[in-house]
């Protein structure tokens, strides 16, 4: 399970931000951010979303790590297109991929 506060602090360090800067960017009080670090309070999902928006990352990137979640622009475009396909179109593409895998052997 991810340590949410630790992850926020990792991302802040990467960005070169202080708790104060995070507070300014998210409108989360500095007292709230301080409580995360000192008293073991856990940020709400609403606040995690605000942190992600301020840092310019998705929730997926937050929870799995940016190294594991990076997608190229082409991959992002393909995923967007995938979600707009009908079930029949998705099945057709899956079959094409299976065919390519067989041909590579």
Protein backbone atom coordinates (compact mmCIF):
# COMPACT_ATOMS: atom_id res chain seq x y z
CA UNK A 1 0.00 0.00 0.00
CA UNK A 2 1.28 3.44 -0.91
CA UNK A 3 2.25 5.91 1.80
CA UNK A 4 0.31 8.90 0.46
CA UNK A 5 2.15 11.54 2.51
CA UNK A 6 5.52 10.09 1.54
CA UNK A 7 4.47 10.16 -2.12
CA UNK A 8 3.40 13.80 -1.85
CA UNK A 9 6.75 14.68 -0.30
CA UNK A 10 8.62 12.81 -3.07
CA UNK A 11 6.72 14.76 -5.71
CA UNK A 12 7.29 18.06 -3.91
CA UNK A 13 11.03 17.34 -3.77
CA UNK A 14 11.07 16.56 -7.51
CA UNK A 15 9.32 19.83 -8.23
CA UNK A 16 11.44 21.80 -5.73
CA UNK A 17 8.34 22.91 -3.84
CA UNK A 18 7.93 23.55 -0.14
CA UNK A 19 4.80 22.82 1.87
CA UNK A 20 4.06 26.53 1.61
CA UNK A 21 4.23 26.44 -2.19
CA UNK A 22 1.92 23.41 -2.24
CA UNK A 23 -0.49 25.32 -0.03
CA UNK A 24 -0.45 28.29 -2.42
CA UNK A 25 -0.97 26.11 -5.49
CA UNK A 26 -3.80 24.01 -4.01
CA UNK A 27 -5.55 26.32 -1.55
CA UNK A 28 -5.04 23.63 1.10
CA UNK A 29 -4.11 25.29 4.38
CA UNK A 30 -0.52 25.03 5.52
CA UNK A 31 -1.84 23.71 8.85
CA UNK A 32 -3.50 20.81 7.03
CA UNK A 33 -0.31 19.99 5.13
CA UNK A 34 1.69 20.28 8.35
CA UNK A 35 -0.71 17.81 10.02
CA UNK A 36 -0.08 15.28 7.23
CA UNK A 37 3.63 15.38 7.98
CA UNK A 38 3.62 15.65 11.75
CA UNK A 39 0.53 13.99 13.19
CA UNK A 40 0.05 11.17 10.71
CA UNK A 41 -3.17 12.57 9.27
CA UNK A 42 -4.05 11.18 5.85
CA UNK A 43 -5.08 13.52 3.02
CA UNK A 44 -8.62 13.17 1.74
CA UNK A 45 -9.14 12.07 -1.87
CA UNK A 46 -10.31 15.61 -2.64
CA UNK A 47 -6.99 16.98 -1.40
CA UNK A 48 -4.99 14.32 -3.26
CA UNK A 49 -6.78 15.39 -6.45
CA UNK A 50 -5.89 19.03 -5.74
CA UNK A 51 -2.25 18.03 -5.23
CA UNK A 52 -2.24 16.10 -8.51
CA UNK A 53 -3.78 19.00 -10.40
CA UNK A 54 -1.22 21.42 -8.96
CA UNK A 55 1.65 19.09 -9.84
CA UNK A 56 0.28 18.40 -13.32
CA UNK A 57 -0.06 14.63 -12.88
CA UNK A 58 -2.93 12.16 -12.96
CA UNK A 59 -4.17 10.11 -10.03
CA UNK A 60 -2.76 7.07 -11.79
CA UNK A 61 0.68 8.65 -11.91
CA UNK A 62 0.35 9.62 -8.26
CA UNK A 63 -0.50 6.12 -7.10
CA UNK A 64 1.81 4.04 -9.29
CA UNK A 65 4.70 6.42 -9.71
CA UNK A 66 5.55 8.51 -12.71
CA UNK A 67 8.21 6.09 -13.95
CA UNK A 68 5.71 3.24 -14.13
CA UNK A 69 2.87 5.25 -15.65
CA UNK A 70 4.52 7.29 -18.37
CA UNK A 71 2.90 6.94 -21.75
CA UNK A 72 4.14 8.48 -24.95
CA UNK A 73 1.81 10.84 -26.83
CA UNK A 74 1.15 8.05 -29.34
CA UNK A 75 0.17 5.64 -26.55
CA UNK A 76 -2.14 8.25 -25.03
CA UNK A 77 -3.78 8.85 -28.42
CA UNK A 78 -4.27 5.12 -28.98
CA UNK A 79 -5.88 4.73 -25.54
CA UNK A 80 -8.25 7.64 -26.19
CA UNK A 81 -9.23 6.08 -29.50
CA UNK A 82 -9.68 2.66 -27.86
CA UNK A 83 -12.31 4.00 -25.46
CA UNK A 84 -14.32 5.41 -28.34
CA UNK A 85 -14.54 2.05 -30.17
CA UNK A 86 -17.53 -0.26 -30.14
CA UNK A 87 -17.24 -3.73 -28.59
CA UNK A 88 -17.06 -5.27 -32.06
CA UNK A 89 -14.26 -2.92 -33.09
CA UNK A 90 -12.32 -3.74 -29.89
CA UNK A 91 -12.70 -7.48 -30.55
CA UNK A 92 -11.41 -6.99 -34.09
CA UNK A 93 -8.32 -5.17 -32.85
CA UNK A 94 -7.68 -7.85 -30.21
CA UNK A 95 -7.78 -10.49 -32.95
CA UNK A 96 -5.37 -8.45 -35.06
CA UNK A 97 -2.93 -8.25 -32.15
CA UNK A 98 -3.20 -12.00 -31.58
CA UNK A 99 -2.47 -12.53 -35.27
CA UNK A 100 0.62 -10.29 -35.07
CA UNK A 101 1.85 -12.25 -32.04
CA UNK A 102 1.46 -15.53 -33.93
CA UNK A 103 3.31 -14.13 -36.95
CA UNK A 104 6.23 -12.97 -34.76
CA UNK A 105 6.93 -16.53 -33.55
